[in-house]
Amino acid sequence: MQATQMLMQAHALSRGGVATISGGRERTWGEIAQRVPRMAGAFQSLGLQRGDLVAVLSMNSDTFLELFFAVPWAGGALAPLNIRWSIAENEYAIGNSRARLLLVDEHYVAQALELKTRCGSLTHLVFMGGGEPPAGMLSLESLLDAAAPVPDACVKDDELYVIFYTGGTTGRPKGVALSHRAIVYSSICYLAMLPSIESLRFLYVGGFFHFSGASPLWYITLAGGTHIILPKFEAEPVMRAIGEHRATNATLIPTMVNMMMNHPDFGTYDFSSMQACIYGGAPMPEALLVEAMRKLPGWKFFQIYGMTETGGFSTMLRWRDHAADRPGGSKLRSAGQAAIGVQVEIRRPDRSRAGVGEVGEIAVRSGALMTGYFRDPEATAAVLADGWMHTGDGGYMDADGFVFIVDRIKDMIVSGGENVYSVEVERALYSHPAVREVAVFGIPHEQWGEAVHAVVVLKAGATATQAELVAHCRESIAGYKVPRSLEFRDEPLPTTPVGKIRKNVLRDPYWPRRPS
């Protein structure tokens, strides 16, 4: 299995079809199939050898997408850098990967120049933005124009394909190493779970430096579909692009769905082309999901649960399981059943298998798992054992095989000897009509060890008091789970680059000596 074969499949299926829409420019699959071998030739002319790493620091673009095929075509592997990280964090990623080339767009020129002075492995800076390259950088388009196409290096199977760096907000970044086999396997399995793979037009809103943002580029390519590429998520451009480019599919996390529906111009945009909205990255509060299903009646929702280390997905809650009147009752609060080609178990602390309904750690096994954390055998051994990835997520499985996520193991609150799962408390708060965003975590308490604390952002024009929200929670959850303290904020809660609420940023001021 090799990633470049997916490009050749798209070329065979849809040579004249639109492959990418980006920055006002369209390219066909025939054009990309010509650009990629020449781009690979350009990289080889710069000394890229089989197995060398190429780093990228850029906003999403059609050129960035081409790199996912041109770099392995040249024999190398890709290491996208996080555009929201500090120079020091990206310096670590380059040092860990020992990248030879760094490609950069116009937004990150200054950081790239500084990284070149700090990172001894870098031999060239290549400018992939518009216009003339800055001093000290080569122009990718000029290199491409001068290069002759080269044969595919046929990097494949268990050879390294891409490294996604994760975890930089809570400690030393870890490079999740994924092979060609893992990427192709996950792409085939993902396609098999979609309701339709004909005439796909996927709208990208997440950064390519994250697996969740990049993963559709493989399965959409495999289907010969169209990539509609936005540089980043902003509610209004996303809503406009759906109608303008007739997008059929998108992956949105709950905070993005929430921002769109709360935008004052939400009702003026055309969403009729959308067929499948895949959501994940964080649990979707049931109240928010019900509201989305009401306001977007033509959309079919599919929840994905997974992580970079598991190839991006482990379970799927299909559209048919979103119905309240399905056989066996509603499964809206679940993350679905094991995805095609994936095994999921709930494990006790001793890693024995938990019983039905018993909370434990979610473990995953499939052909899409990471090879390991790049050059970090200790961290790899801590989570990979006997072919299983131990996710660090707490959950349970019902008798029908549906997985219910209760919390990150590290985010579980222990108050007076009782385990409180923040997701359950957040779900209760989200069900109040005035609540727009909420984060729940534990703060120090002299008597109980930890107390449940909530940070709430209300919807525009809505009002609610702490007493009102506490009383609302008492209607649906046990008294020991109800927030003991609550604060209101006017600004949106801080999020990660993929839009997950950063609980560590909110929690850390209460735990000055506690690691995040």
Protein backbone atom coordinates (compact mmCIF):
# COMPACT_ATOMS: atom_id res chain seq x y z
CA MET A 1 0.00 0.00 0.00
CA GLN A 2 1.32 3.44 -0.92
CA ALA A 3 -0.22 6.89 -0.68
CA THR A 4 0.75 7.97 -4.19
CA GLN A 5 -1.46 5.22 -5.63
CA MET A 6 -4.47 7.18 -4.35
CA LEU A 7 -3.47 10.10 -6.56
CA MET A 8 -3.16 7.81 -9.57
CA GLN A 9 -6.60 6.38 -8.75
CA ALA A 10 -8.11 9.88 -8.77
CA HIS A 11 -6.37 10.64 -12.06
CA ALA A 12 -7.78 7.48 -13.61
CA LEU A 13 -11.29 8.14 -12.31
CA SER A 14 -11.57 11.84 -13.02
CA ARG A 15 -8.74 13.22 -15.14
CA GLY A 16 -10.69 16.31 -16.20
CA GLY A 17 -12.59 16.71 -12.97
CA VAL A 18 -11.94 19.56 -10.56
CA ALA A 19 -9.49 18.35 -7.92
CA THR A 20 -8.90 21.48 -5.87
CA ILE A 21 -10.55 24.85 -5.31
CA SER A 22 -8.28 27.15 -3.35
CA GLY A 23 -7.70 30.90 -3.24
CA GLY A 24 -9.84 31.53 -6.31
CA ARG A 25 -7.95 28.90 -8.35
CA GLU A 26 -9.11 25.52 -9.67
CA ARG A 27 -6.90 22.62 -10.71
CA THR A 28 -7.97 19.36 -12.32
CA TRP A 29 -6.72 15.91 -11.39
CA GLY A 30 -4.87 15.87 -14.70
CA GLU A 31 -2.99 19.04 -13.74
CA ILE A 32 -2.09 17.74 -10.29
CA ALA A 33 -0.93 14.42 -11.76
CA GLN A 34 1.52 16.45 -13.88
CA ARG A 35 2.65 18.78 -11.08
CA VAL A 36 3.40 16.11 -8.48
CA PRO A 37 6.15 14.20 -10.40
CA ARG A 38 7.83 17.51 -11.31
CA MET A 39 7.59 18.75 -7.73
CA ALA A 40 9.18 15.48 -6.62
CA GLY A 41 11.96 16.06 -9.13
CA ALA A 42 12.52 19.51 -7.66
CA PHE A 43 12.91 18.05 -4.18
CA GLN A 44 15.36 15.44 -5.40
CA SER A 45 17.40 18.18 -7.07
CA LEU A 46 17.73 19.75 -3.61
CA GLY A 47 19.25 16.54 -2.29
CA LEU A 48 16.20 14.84 -0.82
CA GLN A 49 16.95 11.15 -0.27
CA ARG A 50 14.68 8.22 0.50
CA GLY A 51 13.48 8.50 4.08
CA ASP A 52 14.35 12.20 4.50
CA LEU A 53 11.79 14.41 6.20
CA VAL A 54 10.22 17.55 4.71
CA ALA A 55 8.66 20.05 7.13
CA VAL A 56 5.84 22.45 6.16
CA LEU A 57 4.76 25.66 7.90
CA SER A 58 1.77 26.99 6.01
CA MET A 59 -1.92 27.74 5.97
CA ASN A 60 -4.08 25.28 4.03
CA SER A 61 -3.77 25.57 0.25
CA ASP A 62 -3.90 23.49 -2.91
CA THR A 63 -0.10 23.44 -2.98
CA PHE A 64 0.01 22.12 0.57
CA LEU A 65 -2.31 19.29 -0.48
CA GLU A 66 0.00 18.42 -3.39
CA LEU A 67 2.91 18.06 -0.97
CA PHE A 68 1.22 15.06 0.64
CA PHE A 69 1.80 13.24 -2.65
CA ALA A 70 4.91 14.94 -4.07
CA VAL A 71 7.09 14.32 -1.01
CA PRO A 72 6.55 10.52 -0.94
CA TRP A 73 6.80 10.48 -4.74
CA ALA A 74 10.31 11.86 -4.22
CA GLY A 75 11.01 9.21 -1.56
CA GLY A 76 10.59 11.40 1.52
CA ALA A 77 8.18 11.71 4.41
CA LEU A 78 6.20 14.75 5.51
CA ALA A 79 6.22 16.60 8.86
CA PRO A 80 3.59 19.39 8.92
CA LEU A 81 4.30 21.99 11.61
CA ASN A 82 1.68 23.53 13.85
CA ILE A 83 1.04 27.11 12.72
CA ARG A 84 -0.06 28.08 16.23
CA TRP A 85 3.03 26.79 18.00
CA SER A 86 5.90 28.90 19.23
CA ILE A 87 9.27 28.92 17.51
CA ALA A 88 10.65 26.78 20.35
CA GLU A 89 7.96 24.11 19.88
CA ASN A 90 8.46 23.94 16.12
CA GLU A 91 12.21 23.93 16.68
CA TYR A 92 11.72 20.78 18.75
CA ALA A 93 9.61 19.18 16.00
CA ILE A 94 12.25 19.89 13.34
CA GLY A 95 14.99 18.64 15.65
CA ASN A 96 13.04 15.47 16.38
CA SER A 97 12.27 14.79 12.70
CA ARG A 98 15.66 16.05 11.46
CA ALA A 99 13.85 17.58 8.49
CA ARG A 100 16.05 18.53 5.53
CA LEU A 101 13.69 20.97 3.80
CA LEU A 102 11.24 23.50 5.21
CA LEU A 103 8.45 24.78 2.97
CA VAL A 104 6.71 27.96 4.09
CA ASP A 105 4.01 30.34 2.86
CA GLU A 106 3.90 34.12 3.18
CA HIS A 107 2.35 34.05 6.66
CA TYR A 108 5.28 32.38 8.43
CA VAL A 109 8.38 33.74 6.70
CA ALA A 110 9.85 35.30 9.84
CA GLN A 111 9.47 32.11 11.86
CA ALA A 112 10.96 30.01 9.05
CA LEU A 113 14.03 32.24 8.83
CA GLU A 114 14.54 31.95 12.59
CA LEU A 115 14.09 28.18 12.47
CA LYS A 116 16.75 27.95 9.76
CA THR A 117 19.28 29.59 12.10
CA ARG A 118 18.34 27.25 14.97
CA CYS A 119 17.95 23.91 13.20
CA GLY A 120 21.12 22.40 11.82
CA SER A 121 19.33 19.69 9.83
CA LEU A 122 17.66 22.21 7.50
CA THR A 123 19.49 22.61 4.20
CA HIS A 124 16.96 24.74 2.27
CA LEU A 125 13.98 27.01 2.83
CA VAL A 126 11.44 26.81 0.01
CA PHE A 127 8.77 29.48 -0.42
CA MET A 128 5.36 28.07 -1.42
CA GLY A 129 3.35 31.30 -1.12
CA GLY A 130 2.34 33.83 -3.77
CA GLY A 131 4.70 36.32 -5.38
CA GLU A 132 8.48 36.53 -5.22
CA PRO A 133 10.32 34.50 -2.58
CA PRO A 134 11.88 36.38 0.34
CA ALA A 135 15.64 36.67 0.55
CA GLY A 136 17.24 33.42 1.57
CA MET A 137 14.45 31.26 0.14
CA LEU A 138 13.94 29.32 -3.07
CA SER A 139 10.68 29.55 -5.03
CA LEU A 140 8.75 26.29 -5.22
CA GLU A 141 7.00 27.25 -8.45
CA SER A 142 10.32 28.22 -10.08
CA LEU A 143 11.85 24.93 -8.99
CA LEU A 144 8.83 23.08 -10.34
CA ASP A 145 8.99 24.87 -13.70
CA ALA A 146 12.65 23.95 -14.10
CA ALA A 147 12.30 20.33 -12.96
CA ALA A 148 11.70 17.26 -15.07
CA PRO A 149 9.19 14.70 -13.82
CA VAL A 150 10.72 11.74 -11.98
CA PRO A 151 9.44 8.19 -11.48
CA ASP A 152 7.53 7.41 -8.31
CA ALA A 153 9.98 6.28 -5.63
CA CYS A 154 7.33 3.75 -4.53
CA VAL A 155 7.73 4.34 -0.81
CA LYS A 156 5.10 2.01 0.60
CA ASP A 157 3.69 -0.37 3.21
CA ASP A 158 5.38 0.03 6.60
CA GLU A 159 7.74 2.82 5.54
CA LEU A 160 7.21 6.18 7.22
CA TYR A 161 4.80 8.49 5.39
CA VAL A 162 3.89 11.36 7.71
CA ILE A 163 4.51 12.63 11.25
CA PHE A 164 1.85 14.70 13.00
CA TYR A 165 3.08 16.49 16.10
CA THR A 166 0.69 16.60 19.01
CA GLY A 167 0.64 17.40 22.70
CA GLY A 168 2.64 20.63 22.66
CA THR A 169 0.28 22.40 25.09
CA THR A 170 0.81 19.96 27.96
CA GLY A 171 4.44 18.90 27.69
CA ARG A 172 7.06 17.92 25.17
CA PRO A 173 5.49 17.46 21.73
CA LYS A 174 5.16 13.90 20.47
CA GLY A 175 5.48 12.98 16.81
CA VAL A 176 2.81 10.47 15.78
CA ALA A 177 4.46 8.40 13.04
CA LEU A 178 2.08 6.93 10.46
CA SER A 179 3.03 4.52 7.69
CA HIS A 180 1.73 4.28 4.15
CA ARG A 181 -0.13 1.12 5.12
CA ALA A 182 -1.90 2.86 8.00
CA ILE A 183 -3.00 5.84 5.89
CA VAL A 184 -4.29 3.76 2.98
CA TYR A 185 -6.02 1.32 5.33
CA SER A 186 -7.80 4.10 7.22
CA SER A 187 -8.83 5.81 3.97
CA ILE A 188 -10.43 2.65 2.56
CA CYS A 189 -12.24 1.95 5.82
CA TYR A 190 -13.48 5.52 6.04
CA LEU A 191 -14.88 5.48 2.50
CA ALA A 192 -16.71 2.26 3.28
CA MET A 193 -18.61 4.02 6.09
CA LEU A 194 -19.80 7.08 4.16
CA PRO A 195 -23.40 7.07 2.89
CA SER A 196 -22.26 7.93 -0.65
CA ILE A 197 -18.88 8.28 -2.35
CA GLU A 198 -20.15 9.66 -5.64
CA SER A 199 -19.35 13.28 -6.60
CA LEU A 200 -17.87 14.19 -3.24
CA ARG A 201 -17.03 17.86 -2.69
CA PHE A 202 -15.31 18.20 0.66
CA LEU A 203 -14.95 21.52 2.46
CA TYR A 204 -11.79 21.82 4.59
CA VAL A 205 -11.88 23.96 7.70
CA GLY A 206 -9.23 22.31 9.90
CA GLY A 207 -5.50 22.83 9.46
CA PHE A 208 -3.51 20.26 7.49
CA PHE A 209 -0.96 20.19 10.33
CA HIS A 210 -3.48 18.11 12.31
CA PHE A 211 -4.53 14.63 11.27
CA SER A 212 -8.20 15.55 11.66
CA GLY A 213 -7.73 18.39 9.19
CA ALA A 214 -5.65 16.42 6.70
CA SER A 215 -7.27 12.97 6.74
CA PRO A 216 -10.08 13.74 4.26
CA LEU A 217 -7.52 14.63 1.58
CA TRP A 218 -6.68 10.94 1.24
CA TYR A 219 -10.14 9.39 1.10
CA ILE A 220 -11.57 12.21 -1.04
CA THR A 221 -8.63 11.74 -3.42
CA LEU A 222 -9.23 7.99 -3.45
CA ALA A 223 -12.84 8.68 -4.53
CA GLY A 224 -11.76 11.20 -7.19
CA GLY A 225 -13.69 13.97 -5.47
CA THR A 226 -13.10 17.72 -5.14
CA HIS A 227 -11.17 19.43 -2.34
CA ILE A 228 -12.58 22.86 -1.39
CA ILE A 229 -9.76 24.34 0.66
CA LEU A 230 -10.13 27.25 3.05
CA PRO A 231 -7.05 28.57 4.86
CA LYS A 232 -8.71 28.25 8.28
CA PHE A 233 -12.08 28.10 10.03
CA GLU A 234 -14.11 31.30 10.19
CA ALA A 235 -17.86 30.96 10.47
CA GLU A 236 -18.92 33.37 7.71
CA PRO A 237 -16.44 32.23 5.00
CA VAL A 238 -17.32 28.61 5.75
CA MET A 239 -21.06 29.23 5.43
CA ARG A 240 -20.51 31.20 2.22
CA ALA A 241 -18.27 28.49 0.71
CA ILE A 242 -20.81 25.73 1.34
CA GLY A 243 -23.33 27.40 -0.94
CA GLU A 244 -20.90 28.91 -3.45
CA HIS A 245 -18.99 25.68 -4.13
CA ARG A 246 -21.86 23.26 -3.44
CA ALA A 247 -19.97 21.36 -0.75
CA THR A 248 -21.38 17.92 0.02
CA ASN A 249 -19.25 16.91 3.01
CA ALA A 250 -17.36 18.56 5.84
CA THR A 251 -15.85 17.68 9.19
CA LEU A 252 -16.84 20.11 11.94
CA ILE A 253 -16.19 19.96 15.64
CA PRO A 254 -18.98 20.94 18.06
CA THR A 255 -17.62 24.43 18.73
CA MET A 256 -17.63 25.16 14.99
CA VAL A 257 -21.24 24.02 14.60
CA ASN A 258 -22.13 26.16 17.59
CA MET A 259 -20.38 29.25 16.17
CA MET A 260 -22.15 28.90 12.82
CA MET A 261 -25.61 28.51 14.29
CA ASN A 262 -25.05 31.49 16.59
CA HIS A 263 -23.80 33.74 13.77
CA PRO A 264 -26.26 36.60 13.12
CA ASP A 265 -26.31 35.84 9.37
CA PHE A 266 -26.78 32.07 9.73
CA GLY A 267 -30.23 32.15 8.16
CA THR A 268 -29.10 33.92 4.99
CA TYR A 269 -26.82 31.16 3.63
CA ASP A 270 -27.61 28.19 1.41
CA PHE A 271 -26.72 24.86 3.05
CA SER A 272 -28.82 22.65 0.77
CA SER A 273 -25.91 20.92 -0.98
CA MET A 274 -24.55 19.36 2.23
CA GLN A 275 -25.13 15.64 2.52
CA ALA A 276 -22.90 14.52 5.39
CA CYS A 277 -21.60 16.50 8.34
CA ILE A 278 -19.03 14.52 10.26
CA TYR A 279 -18.44 15.84 13.74
CA GLY A 280 -15.93 14.87 16.38
CA GLY A 281 -12.87 16.10 18.21
CA ALA A 282 -14.94 16.57 21.36
CA PRO A 283 -18.29 15.22 22.58
CA MET A 284 -21.27 16.96 20.97
CA PRO A 285 -23.64 18.06 23.74
CA GLU A 286 -27.03 16.48 23.10
CA ALA A 287 -28.83 19.82 23.28
CA LEU A 288 -26.51 21.28 20.63
CA LEU A 289 -26.92 18.26 18.38
CA VAL A 290 -30.71 18.38 18.62
CA GLU A 291 -30.63 22.09 17.76
CA ALA A 292 -28.35 21.43 14.77
CA MET A 293 -30.63 18.69 13.48
CA ARG A 294 -33.56 21.11 13.73
CA LYS A 295 -31.85 24.07 12.07
CA LEU A 296 -30.13 21.99 9.36
CA PRO A 297 -32.80 19.42 8.46
CA GLY A 298 -31.16 18.39 5.19
CA TRP A 299 -27.88 17.38 6.82
CA LYS A 300 -27.06 13.83 7.84
CA PHE A 301 -24.82 13.80 10.89
CA PHE A 302 -22.11 11.23 11.56
CA GLN A 303 -20.02 11.27 14.70
CA ILE A 304 -16.42 10.10 14.59
CA TYR A 305 -14.44 9.26 17.69
CA GLY A 306 -10.73 8.68 17.38
CA MET A 307 -7.30 10.24 17.70
CA THR A 308 -4.22 10.75 15.55
CA GLU A 309 -2.62 7.66 17.08
CA THR A 310 -5.54 5.48 15.90
CA GLY A 311 -5.55 6.78 12.34
CA GLY A 312 -8.16 9.41 13.11
CA PHE A 313 -11.17 7.22 13.82
CA SER A 314 -12.19 4.32 16.03
CA THR A 315 -15.97 4.47 16.18
CA MET A 316 -18.79 6.00 14.15
CA LEU A 317 -22.30 6.98 15.17
CA ARG A 318 -24.12 6.67 11.87
CA TRP A 319 -26.99 8.90 10.83
CA ARG A 320 -29.49 6.10 11.34
CA ASP A 321 -28.45 5.91 15.00
CA HIS A 322 -29.19 9.60 15.59
CA ALA A 323 -32.94 8.90 15.43
CA ALA A 324 -34.73 8.91 18.78
CA ASP A 325 -37.13 6.17 17.63
CA ARG A 326 -34.46 3.71 16.46
CA PRO A 327 -34.79 0.11 17.69
CA GLY A 328 -33.30 -0.08 21.19
CA GLY A 329 -33.78 3.63 21.89
CA SER A 330 -31.71 6.73 21.29
CA LYS A 331 -27.93 6.45 21.03
CA LEU A 332 -27.31 10.19 20.69
CA ARG A 333 -25.10 10.29 23.76
CA SER A 334 -22.84 7.57 22.41
CA ALA A 335 -19.86 7.81 20.06
CA GLY A 336 -21.22 4.94 17.99
CA GLN A 337 -20.00 1.44 17.32
CA ALA A 338 -16.56 0.25 16.27
CA ALA A 339 -15.74 1.48 12.77
CA ILE A 340 -15.22 -0.90 9.89
CA GLY A 341 -11.84 -2.59 10.29
CA VAL A 342 -11.47 -1.53 13.95
CA GLN A 343 -11.71 -3.39 17.25
CA VAL A 344 -12.65 -1.46 20.40
CA GLU A 345 -12.54 -2.67 24.00
CA ILE A 346 -12.99 -1.07 27.42
CA ARG A 347 -10.08 -1.94 29.72
CA ARG A 348 -9.71 -1.93 33.50
CA PRO A 349 -6.55 -0.43 35.09
CA ASP A 350 -4.93 -3.89 34.94
CA ARG A 351 -5.88 -3.88 31.22
CA SER A 352 -8.34 -6.76 31.58
CA ARG A 353 -11.57 -6.36 29.64
CA ALA A 354 -14.36 -4.47 31.43
CA GLY A 355 -17.94 -5.68 31.52
CA VAL A 356 -20.98 -4.16 29.83
CA GLY A 357 -21.67 -0.72 31.30
CA GLU A 358 -18.43 -0.69 33.31
CA VAL A 359 -16.33 2.46 32.96
CA GLY A 360 -12.71 1.95 31.95
CA GLU A 361 -10.10 3.07 29.44
CA ILE A 362 -10.95 2.84 25.74
CA ALA A 363 -8.48 0.65 23.81
CA VAL A 364 -8.33 0.37 20.01
CA ARG A 365 -6.75 -2.08 17.57
CA SER A 366 -6.67 -1.77 13.75
CA GLY A 367 -4.39 -1.56 10.74
CA ALA A 368 -4.54 2.24 10.97
CA LEU A 369 -2.64 2.58 14.26
CA MET A 370 0.50 4.67 14.44
CA THR A 371 3.85 2.97 14.23
CA GLY A 372 4.73 4.83 17.42
CA TYR A 373 5.86 8.19 18.69
CA PHE A 374 8.80 9.17 16.51
CA ARG A 375 12.11 8.55 18.27
CA ASP A 376 10.32 8.18 21.61
CA PRO A 377 10.19 4.48 22.55
CA GLU A 378 9.31 5.19 26.19
CA ALA A 379 6.19 7.19 25.33
CA THR A 380 5.26 4.58 22.70
CA ALA A 381 5.51 1.70 25.19
CA ALA A 382 3.23 3.57 27.60
CA VAL A 383 0.28 3.50 25.18
CA LEU A 384 0.92 0.67 22.69
CA ALA A 385 0.78 -2.88 24.01
CA ASP A 386 0.07 -6.15 22.17
CA GLY A 387 -1.17 -4.25 19.14
CA TRP A 388 -3.65 -2.14 21.14
CA MET A 389 -3.64 1.64 21.54
CA HIS A 390 -4.65 2.68 25.05
CA THR A 391 -6.26 6.04 24.41
CA GLY A 392 -6.41 7.67 27.84
CA ASP A 393 -10.14 8.24 27.31
CA GLY A 394 -12.62 6.89 29.82
CA GLY A 395 -15.80 5.25 28.62
CA TYR A 396 -18.10 2.26 28.70
CA MET A 397 -19.82 0.01 26.16
CA ASP A 398 -23.46 -0.99 26.22
CA ALA A 399 -24.90 -4.37 25.28
CA ASP A 400 -25.29 -3.25 21.64
CA GLY A 401 -21.61 -2.37 21.30
CA PHE A 402 -22.12 1.40 21.42
CA VAL A 403 -19.28 3.28 23.12
CA PHE A 404 -20.11 6.07 25.56
CA ILE A 405 -17.25 8.46 26.35
CA VAL A 406 -17.29 9.85 29.87
CA ASP A 407 -14.06 11.87 30.04
CA ARG A 408 -10.36 12.01 29.50
CA ILE A 409 -8.91 9.90 32.30
CA LYS A 410 -6.83 12.90 33.37
CA ASP A 411 -9.89 15.22 33.35
CA MET A 412 -11.95 13.07 35.68
CA ILE A 413 -12.81 14.96 38.89
CA VAL A 414 -12.55 13.07 42.18
CA SER A 415 -14.69 14.88 44.76
CA GLY A 416 -15.18 13.36 48.20
CA GLY A 417 -14.22 9.93 46.85
CA GLU A 418 -16.78 10.08 44.03
CA ASN A 419 -15.77 10.13 40.36
CA VAL A 420 -17.33 13.01 38.46
CA TYR A 421 -17.05 13.02 34.68
CA SER A 422 -16.90 16.56 33.35
CA VAL A 423 -18.68 15.62 30.11
CA GLU A 424 -21.78 14.60 32.06
CA VAL A 425 -21.89 17.93 33.90
CA GLU A 426 -21.27 19.86 30.67
CA ARG A 427 -24.13 18.00 29.03
CA ALA A 428 -26.47 19.09 31.82
CA LEU A 429 -25.40 22.74 31.48
CA TYR A 430 -25.64 22.70 27.67
CA SER A 431 -29.26 21.62 27.95
CA HIS A 432 -30.12 25.05 29.41
CA PRO A 433 -31.38 27.27 26.55
CA ALA A 434 -29.20 30.25 27.58
CA VAL A 435 -25.87 28.40 27.48
CA ARG A 436 -23.63 28.73 24.43
CA GLU A 437 -20.31 27.29 25.67
CA VAL A 438 -19.21 25.53 28.85
CA ALA A 439 -16.14 23.87 30.32
CA VAL A 440 -16.16 21.87 33.56
CA PHE A 441 -13.10 20.85 35.59
CA GLY A 442 -11.97 20.25 39.13
CA ILE A 443 -10.49 22.91 41.42
CA PRO A 444 -8.88 22.46 44.87
CA HIS A 445 -11.17 21.96 47.86
CA GLU A 446 -9.90 21.53 51.43
CA GLN A 447 -12.56 19.05 52.49
CA TRP A 448 -13.40 17.15 49.33
CA GLY A 449 -10.05 17.27 47.52
CA GLU A 450 -11.61 18.62 44.34
CA ALA A 451 -14.77 20.59 43.69
CA VAL A 452 -16.69 20.78 40.42
CA HIS A 453 -16.23 24.17 38.74
CA ALA A 454 -17.88 25.44 35.54
CA VAL A 455 -16.98 28.26 33.14
CA VAL A 456 -19.97 29.39 31.08
CA VAL A 457 -20.48 31.63 28.05
CA LEU A 458 -24.11 32.60 27.47
CA LYS A 459 -25.78 33.07 24.10
CA ALA A 460 -26.03 36.61 22.77
CA GLY A 461 -28.89 38.41 24.50
CA ALA A 462 -29.55 35.55 26.94
CA THR A 463 -29.45 35.82 30.72
CA ALA A 464 -29.02 33.27 33.50
CA THR A 465 -27.79 33.32 37.08
CA GLN A 466 -25.52 30.88 38.86
CA ALA A 467 -28.42 29.79 41.07
CA GLU A 468 -30.60 29.16 38.01
CA LEU A 469 -27.97 27.00 36.28
CA VAL A 470 -27.22 25.05 39.45
CA ALA A 471 -30.93 24.36 39.93
CA HIS A 472 -31.18 23.28 36.28
CA CYS A 473 -28.32 20.79 36.76
CA ARG A 474 -29.96 19.28 39.83
CA GLU A 475 -32.88 18.20 37.64
CA SER A 476 -30.72 15.80 35.62
CA ILE A 477 -27.57 14.84 37.58
CA ALA A 478 -26.75 13.79 41.14
CA GLY A 479 -26.08 16.46 43.73
CA TYR A 480 -22.36 15.65 44.09
CA LYS A 481 -21.91 16.30 40.36
CA VAL A 482 -23.55 19.74 40.39
CA PRO A 483 -21.03 22.62 40.08
CA ARG A 484 -20.01 24.02 43.46
CA SER A 485 -18.82 27.20 41.75
CA LEU A 486 -19.51 28.82 38.41
CA GLU A 487 -18.11 31.80 36.53
CA PHE A 488 -19.47 33.63 33.49
CA ARG A 489 -17.31 34.89 30.64
CA ASP A 490 -18.22 37.26 27.83
CA GLU A 491 -15.55 36.09 25.37
CA PRO A 492 -15.40 32.66 23.68
CA LEU A 493 -13.52 29.98 25.59
CA PRO A 494 -9.92 29.30 24.46
CA THR A 495 -9.55 26.51 21.94
CA THR A 496 -6.83 24.37 20.40
CA PRO A 497 -5.97 24.69 16.67
CA VAL A 498 -8.69 22.14 15.89
CA GLY A 499 -11.26 23.93 18.06
CA LYS A 500 -11.29 21.81 21.22
CA ILE A 501 -11.79 23.82 24.39
CA ARG A 502 -8.46 24.11 26.22
CA LYS A 503 -9.41 23.07 29.71
CA ASN A 504 -5.79 23.17 30.83
CA VAL A 505 -5.69 26.95 30.19
CA LEU A 506 -8.85 27.45 32.23
CA ARG A 507 -7.84 25.03 34.98
CA ASP A 508 -4.18 25.91 35.50
CA PRO A 509 -4.70 29.17 37.46
CA TYR A 510 -6.46 27.16 40.17
CA TRP A 511 -3.60 24.64 40.39
CA PRO A 512 -0.39 26.72 40.47
CA ARG A 513 1.80 23.73 41.32
CA ARG A 514 -0.17 21.09 39.44
CA PRO A 515 1.14 19.94 36.01
CA SER A 516 -1.31 20.75 33.19
